[in-house]
Amino acid sequence: MIFVYRISLGDYDFGASTVLDDMQNGIYWFFWALIVTVTCIVFLNFIIAEVGASYSNVKQNVEVFVL
């Protein structure tokens, strides 16, 4: 699990997957895909929240900027 987590964060050392048997290798890649997907969802949620906060900030101050 630690190797899968490290790979999902950008440490692309796939050496651990070469010493596993077929069943463990399938589980390894399943967890890798799961962690990458969850990480992407979390980061995209953060980006959407930041864009929404910036939009509301500009919307509140639009009269000051235009006039």
PDB file of N, CA and C in Angstrom:
ATOM      1  N   MET A   1       0.819  -1.187   0.000  1.00  0.00           N
ATOM      2  CA  MET A   1       0.000   0.000   0.000  1.00  0.00           C
ATOM      3  C   MET A   1       0.866   1.256   0.000  1.00  0.00           C
ATOM      4  N   ILE A   2       1.981   1.230   0.698  1.00  0.00           N
ATOM      5  CA  ILE A   2       2.849   2.402   0.757  1.00  0.00           C
ATOM      6  C   ILE A   2       3.441   2.694  -0.618  1.00  0.00           C
ATOM      7  N   PHE A   3       3.855   1.652  -1.343  1.00  0.00           N
ATOM      8  CA  PHE A   3       4.402   1.855  -2.676  1.00  0.00           C
ATOM      9  C   PHE A   3       3.343   2.428  -3.611  1.00  0.00           C
ATOM     10  N   VAL A   4       2.119   1.950  -3.517  1.00  0.00           N
ATOM     11  CA  VAL A   4       1.033   2.453  -4.355  1.00  0.00           C
ATOM     12  C   VAL A   4       0.774   3.921  -4.050  1.00  0.00           C
ATOM     13  N   TYR A   5       0.772   4.278  -2.786  1.00  0.00           N
ATOM     14  CA  TYR A   5       0.554   5.667  -2.392  1.00  0.00           C
ATOM     15  C   TYR A   5       1.672   6.558  -2.911  1.00  0.00           C
ATOM     16  N   ARG A   6       2.908   6.101  -2.813  1.00  0.00           N
ATOM     17  CA  ARG A   6       4.041   6.892  -3.312  1.00  0.00           C
ATOM     18  C   ARG A   6       3.951   7.096  -4.816  1.00  0.00           C
ATOM     19  N   ILE A   7       3.568   6.071  -5.543  1.00  0.00           N
ATOM     20  CA  ILE A   7       3.434   6.187  -6.997  1.00  0.00           C
ATOM     21  C   ILE A   7       2.312   7.154  -7.340  1.00  0.00           C
ATOM     22  N   SER A   8       1.214   7.115  -6.600  1.00  0.00           N
ATOM     23  CA  SER A   8       0.093   8.005  -6.891  1.00  0.00           C
ATOM     24  C   SER A   8       0.453   9.460  -6.640  1.00  0.00           C
ATOM     25  N   LEU A   9       1.449   9.712  -5.814  1.00  0.00           N
ATOM     26  CA  LEU A   9       1.884  11.073  -5.550  1.00  0.00           C
ATOM     27  C   LEU A   9       2.988  11.536  -6.491  1.00  0.00           C
ATOM     28  N   GLY A  10       3.442  10.675  -7.388  1.00  0.00           N
ATOM     29  CA  GLY A  10       4.408  11.103  -8.388  1.00  0.00           C
ATOM     30  C   GLY A  10       5.753  10.425  -8.316  1.00  0.00           C
ATOM     31  N   ASP A  11       5.969   9.517  -7.390  1.00  0.00           N
ATOM     32  CA  ASP A  11       7.224   8.763  -7.319  1.00  0.00           C
ATOM     33  C   ASP A  11       7.066   7.535  -8.204  1.00  0.00           C
ATOM     34  N   TYR A  12       7.505   7.634  -9.448  1.00  0.00           N
ATOM     35  CA  TYR A  12       7.227   6.602 -10.444  1.00  0.00           C
ATOM     36  C   TYR A  12       8.257   5.478 -10.429  1.00  0.00           C
ATOM     37  N   ASP A  13       8.402   4.832  -9.300  1.00  0.00           N
ATOM     38  CA  ASP A  13       9.258   3.663  -9.173  1.00  0.00           C
ATOM     39  C   ASP A  13       8.348   2.438  -9.187  1.00  0.00           C
ATOM     40  N   PHE A  14       8.191   1.829 -10.357  1.00  0.00           N
ATOM     41  CA  PHE A  14       7.293   0.684 -10.501  1.00  0.00           C
ATOM     42  C   PHE A  14       8.014  -0.634 -10.238  1.00  0.00           C
ATOM     43  N   GLY A  15       9.148  -0.597  -9.581  1.00  0.00           N
ATOM     44  CA  GLY A  15       9.916  -1.798  -9.314  1.00  0.00           C
ATOM     45  C   GLY A  15       9.196  -2.797  -8.434  1.00  0.00           C
ATOM     46  N   ALA A  16       8.345  -2.312  -7.549  1.00  0.00           N
ATOM     47  CA  ALA A  16       7.635  -3.219  -6.647  1.00  0.00           C
ATOM     48  C   ALA A  16       6.652  -4.108  -7.394  1.00  0.00           C
ATOM     49  N   SER A  17       6.145  -3.642  -8.531  1.00  0.00           N
ATOM     50  CA  SER A  17       5.153  -4.440  -9.255  1.00  0.00           C
ATOM     51  C   SER A  17       5.789  -5.588 -10.033  1.00  0.00           C
ATOM     52  N   THR A  18       7.089  -5.580 -10.207  1.00  0.00           N
ATOM     53  CA  THR A  18       7.750  -6.650 -10.973  1.00  0.00           C
ATOM     54  C   THR A  18       7.995  -7.900 -10.151  1.00  0.00           C
ATOM     55  N   VAL A  19       7.950  -7.812  -8.830  1.00  0.00           N
ATOM     56  CA  VAL A  19       8.231  -8.969  -7.984  1.00  0.00           C
ATOM     57  C   VAL A  19       6.960  -9.629  -7.450  1.00  0.00           C
ATOM     58  N   LEU A  20       5.790  -9.139  -7.865  1.00  0.00           N
ATOM     59  CA  LEU A  20       4.520  -9.680  -7.376  1.00  0.00           C
ATOM     60  C   LEU A  20       4.004 -10.757  -8.315  1.00  0.00           C
ATOM     61  N   ASP A  21       3.208 -11.671  -7.763  1.00  0.00           N
ATOM     62  CA  ASP A  21       2.543 -12.648  -8.636  1.00  0.00           C
ATOM     63  C   ASP A  21       1.335 -11.988  -9.305  1.00  0.00           C
ATOM     64  N   ASP A  22       0.623 -12.715 -10.140  1.00  0.00           N
ATOM     65  CA  ASP A  22      -0.448 -12.123 -10.946  1.00  0.00           C
ATOM     66  C   ASP A  22      -1.570 -11.530 -10.091  1.00  0.00           C
ATOM     67  N   MET A  23      -1.983 -12.230  -9.061  1.00  0.00           N
ATOM     68  CA  MET A  23      -3.073 -11.746  -8.206  1.00  0.00           C
ATOM     69  C   MET A  23      -2.664 -10.473  -7.466  1.00  0.00           C
ATOM     70  N   GLN A  24      -1.480 -10.484  -6.880  1.00  0.00           N
ATOM     71  CA  GLN A  24      -0.998  -9.310  -6.165  1.00  0.00           C
ATOM     72  C   GLN A  24      -0.752  -8.142  -7.113  1.00  0.00           C
ATOM     73  N   ASN A  25      -0.305  -8.429  -8.322  1.00  0.00           N
ATOM     74  CA  ASN A  25      -0.071  -7.375  -9.295  1.00  0.00           C
ATOM     75  C   ASN A  25      -1.395  -6.722  -9.702  1.00  0.00           C
ATOM     76  N   GLY A  26      -2.453  -7.505  -9.845  1.00  0.00           N
ATOM     77  CA  GLY A  26      -3.768  -6.946 -10.140  1.00  0.00           C
ATOM     78  C   GLY A  26      -4.277  -6.054  -9.024  1.00  0.00           C
ATOM     79  N   ILE A  27      -4.098  -6.521  -7.793  1.00  0.00           N
ATOM     80  CA  ILE A  27      -4.505  -5.720  -6.639  1.00  0.00           C
ATOM     81  C   ILE A  27      -3.683  -4.439  -6.557  1.00  0.00           C
ATOM     82  N   TYR A  28      -2.391  -4.551  -6.839  1.00  0.00           N
ATOM     83  CA  TYR A  28      -1.474  -3.405  -6.831  1.00  0.00           C
ATOM     84  C   TYR A  28      -1.976  -2.328  -7.786  1.00  0.00           C
ATOM     85  N   TRP A  29      -2.298  -2.701  -9.030  1.00  0.00           N
ATOM     86  CA  TRP A  29      -2.729  -1.724 -10.019  1.00  0.00           C
ATOM     87  C   TRP A  29      -4.133  -1.214  -9.744  1.00  0.00           C
ATOM     88  N   PHE A  30      -4.979  -2.047  -9.154  1.00  0.00           N
ATOM     89  CA  PHE A  30      -6.309  -1.590  -8.766  1.00  0.00           C
ATOM     90  C   PHE A  30      -6.209  -0.480  -7.732  1.00  0.00           C
ATOM     91  N   PHE A  31      -5.405  -0.701  -6.697  1.00  0.00           N
ATOM     92  CA  PHE A  31      -5.252   0.327  -5.673  1.00  0.00           C
ATOM     93  C   PHE A  31      -4.566   1.562  -6.223  1.00  0.00           C
ATOM     94  N   TRP A  32      -3.632   1.408  -7.145  1.00  0.00           N
ATOM     95  CA  TRP A  32      -2.983   2.557  -7.774  1.00  0.00           C
ATOM     96  C   TRP A  32      -4.020   3.403  -8.507  1.00  0.00           C
ATOM     97  N   ALA A  33      -4.866   2.766  -9.302  1.00  0.00           N
ATOM     98  CA  ALA A  33      -5.890   3.502 -10.043  1.00  0.00           C
ATOM     99  C   ALA A  33      -6.889   4.155  -9.086  1.00  0.00           C
ATOM    100  N   LEU A  34      -7.257   3.459  -8.021  1.00  0.00           N
ATOM    101  CA  LEU A  34      -8.187   4.004  -7.040  1.00  0.00           C
ATOM    102  C   LEU A  34      -7.610   5.241  -6.355  1.00  0.00           C
ATOM    103  N   ILE A  35      -6.371   5.164  -5.925  1.00  0.00           N
ATOM    104  CA  ILE A  35      -5.740   6.289  -5.229  1.00  0.00           C
ATOM    105  C   ILE A  35      -5.549   7.468  -6.167  1.00  0.00           C
ATOM    106  N   VAL A  36      -5.149   7.219  -7.409  1.00  0.00           N
ATOM    107  CA  VAL A  36      -4.989   8.305  -8.373  1.00  0.00           C
ATOM    108  C   VAL A  36      -6.331   8.978  -8.637  1.00  0.00           C
ATOM    109  N   THR A  37      -7.397   8.200  -8.763  1.00  0.00           N
ATOM    110  CA  THR A  37      -8.719   8.764  -9.006  1.00  0.00           C
ATOM    111  C   THR A  37      -9.185   9.612  -7.826  1.00  0.00           C
ATOM    112  N   VAL A  38      -9.039   9.100  -6.628  1.00  0.00           N
ATOM    113  CA  VAL A  38      -9.452   9.849  -5.438  1.00  0.00           C
ATOM    114  C   VAL A  38      -8.618  11.120  -5.294  1.00  0.00           C
ATOM    115  N   THR A  39      -7.328  11.039  -5.554  1.00  0.00           N
ATOM    116  CA  THR A  39      -6.465  12.213  -5.470  1.00  0.00           C
ATOM    117  C   THR A  39      -6.885  13.270  -6.479  1.00  0.00           C
ATOM    118  N   CYS A  40      -7.215  12.864  -7.690  1.00  0.00           N
ATOM    119  CA  CYS A  40      -7.678  13.808  -8.708  1.00  0.00           C
ATOM    120  C   CYS A  40      -8.983  14.468  -8.295  1.00  0.00           C
ATOM    121  N   ILE A  41      -9.890  13.706  -7.738  1.00  0.00           N
ATOM    122  CA  ILE A  41     -11.164  14.268  -7.298  1.00  0.00           C
ATOM    123  C   ILE A  41     -10.950  15.298  -6.196  1.00  0.00           C
ATOM    124  N   VAL A  42     -10.072  14.998  -5.251  1.00  0.00           N
ATOM    125  CA  VAL A  42      -9.796  15.934  -4.155  1.00  0.00           C
ATOM    126  C   VAL A  42      -9.164  17.216  -4.687  1.00  0.00           C
ATOM    127  N   PHE A  43      -8.185  17.102  -5.573  1.00  0.00           N
ATOM    128  CA  PHE A  43      -7.534  18.289  -6.112  1.00  0.00           C
ATOM    129  C   PHE A  43      -8.479  19.101  -6.987  1.00  0.00           C
ATOM    130  N   LEU A  44      -9.321  18.445  -7.788  1.00  0.00           N
ATOM    131  CA  LEU A  44     -10.288  19.177  -8.597  1.00  0.00           C
ATOM    132  C   LEU A  44     -11.325  19.872  -7.722  1.00  0.00           C
ATOM    133  N   ASN A  45     -11.717  19.245  -6.633  1.00  0.00           N
ATOM    134  CA  ASN A  45     -12.644  19.873  -5.695  1.00  0.00           C
ATOM    135  C   ASN A  45     -12.016  21.129  -5.091  1.00  0.00           C
ATOM    136  N   PHE A  46     -10.742  21.062  -4.764  1.00  0.00           N
ATOM    137  CA  PHE A  46     -10.037  22.229  -4.230  1.00  0.00           C
ATOM    138  C   PHE A  46      -9.992  23.356  -5.255  1.00  0.00           C
ATOM    139  N   ILE A  47      -9.710  23.029  -6.504  1.00  0.00           N
ATOM    140  CA  ILE A  47      -9.640  24.046  -7.552  1.00  0.00           C
ATOM    141  C   ILE A  47     -11.007  24.695  -7.763  1.00  0.00           C
ATOM    142  N   ILE A  48     -12.069  23.890  -7.773  1.00  0.00           N
ATOM    143  CA  ILE A  48     -13.417  24.436  -7.938  1.00  0.00           C
ATOM    144  C   ILE A  48     -13.779  25.349  -6.770  1.00  0.00           C
ATOM    145  N   ALA A  49     -13.397  24.984  -5.562  1.00  0.00           N
ATOM    146  CA  ALA A  49     -13.678  25.818  -4.395  1.00  0.00           C
ATOM    147  C   ALA A  49     -12.932  27.148  -4.483  1.00  0.00           C
ATOM    148  N   GLU A  50     -11.692  27.115  -4.919  1.00  0.00           N
ATOM    149  CA  GLU A  50     -10.910  28.351  -5.053  1.00  0.00           C
ATOM    150  C   GLU A  50     -11.481  29.252  -6.147  1.00  0.00           C
ATOM    151  N   VAL A  51     -11.890  28.676  -7.252  1.00  0.00           N
ATOM    152  CA  VAL A  51     -12.496  29.469  -8.329  1.00  0.00           C
ATOM    153  C   VAL A  51     -13.814  30.079  -7.855  1.00  0.00           C
ATOM    154  N   GLY A  52     -14.594  29.317  -7.137  1.00  0.00           N
ATOM    155  CA  GLY A  52     -15.858  29.832  -6.601  1.00  0.00           C
ATOM    156  C   GLY A  52     -15.633  30.967  -5.616  1.00  0.00           C
ATOM    157  N   ALA A  53     -14.629  30.852  -4.770  1.00  0.00           N
ATOM    158  CA  ALA A  53     -14.329  31.921  -3.816  1.00  0.00           C
ATOM    159  C   ALA A  53     -13.839  33.170  -4.533  1.00  0.00           C
ATOM    160  N   SER A  54     -13.025  33.008  -5.552  1.00  0.00           N
ATOM    161  CA  SER A  54     -12.557  34.159  -6.322  1.00  0.00           C
ATOM    162  C   SER A  54     -13.711  34.835  -7.048  1.00  0.00           C
ATOM    163  N   TYR A  55     -14.612  34.033  -7.616  1.00  0.00           N
ATOM    164  CA  TYR A  55     -15.763  34.590  -8.320  1.00  0.00           C
ATOM    165  C   TYR A  55     -16.649  35.388  -7.373  1.00  0.00           C
ATOM    166  N   SER A  56     -16.912  34.851  -6.200  1.00  0.00           N
ATOM    167  CA  SER A  56     -17.774  35.568  -5.248  1.00  0.00           C
ATOM    168  C   SER A  56     -17.096  36.843  -4.756  1.00  0.00           C
ATOM    169  N   ASN A  57     -15.771  36.818  -4.610  1.00  0.00           N
ATOM    170  CA  ASN A  57     -15.034  38.009  -4.202  1.00  0.00           C
ATOM    171  C   ASN A  57     -15.129  39.092  -5.270  1.00  0.00           C
ATOM    172  N   VAL A  58     -14.963  38.732  -6.519  1.00  0.00           N
ATOM    173  CA  VAL A  58     -15.060  39.702  -7.608  1.00  0.00           C
ATOM    174  C   VAL A  58     -16.490  40.201  -7.744  1.00  0.00           C
ATOM    175  N   LYS A  59     -17.467  39.311  -7.580  1.00  0.00           N
ATOM    176  CA  LYS A  59     -18.874  39.693  -7.699  1.00  0.00           C
ATOM    177  C   LYS A  59     -19.259  40.715  -6.637  1.00  0.00           C
ATOM    178  N   GLN A  60     -18.706  40.584  -5.442  1.00  0.00           N
ATOM    179  CA  GLN A  60     -18.998  41.528  -4.368  1.00  0.00           C
ATOM    180  C   GLN A  60     -18.373  42.893  -4.634  1.00  0.00           C
ATOM    181  N   ASN A  61     -17.221  42.913  -5.300  1.00  0.00           N
ATOM    182  CA  ASN A  61     -16.491  44.154  -5.509  1.00  0.00           C
ATOM    183  C   ASN A  61     -16.600  44.695  -6.929  1.00  0.00           C
ATOM    184  N   VAL A  62     -17.519  44.204  -7.730  1.00  0.00           N
ATOM    185  CA  VAL A  62     -17.592  44.613  -9.128  1.00  0.00           C
ATOM    186  C   VAL A  62     -17.976  46.097  -9.260  1.00  0.00           C
ATOM    187  N   GLU A  63     -18.825  46.590  -8.403  1.00  0.00           N
ATOM    188  CA  GLU A  63     -19.200  48.000  -8.474  1.00  0.00           C
ATOM    189  C   GLU A  63     -18.028  48.914  -8.197  1.00  0.00           C
ATOM    190  N   VAL A  64     -17.164  48.542  -7.300  1.00  0.00           N
ATOM    191  CA  VAL A  64     -15.992  49.351  -6.976  1.00  0.00           C
ATOM    192  C   VAL A  64     -15.029  49.383  -8.156  1.00  0.00           C
ATOM    193  N   PHE A  65     -14.855  48.257  -8.826  1.00  0.00           N
ATOM    194  CA  PHE A  65     -13.923  48.191  -9.938  1.00  0.00           C
ATOM    195  C   PHE A  65     -14.467  48.897 -11.179  1.00  0.00           C
ATOM    196  N   VAL A  66     -15.765  48.830 -11.420  1.00  0.00           N
ATOM    197  CA  VAL A  66     -16.361  49.392 -12.635  1.00  0.00           C
ATOM    198  C   VAL A  66     -16.500  50.898 -12.511  1.00  0.00           C
ATOM    199  N   LEU A  67     -16.922  51.370 -11.362  1.00  0.00           N
ATOM    200  CA  LEU A  67     -17.125  52.813 -11.178  1.00  0.00           C
ATOM    201  C   LEU A  67     -15.844  53.450 -10.844  1.00  0.00           C
TER     202      LEU A  67
END
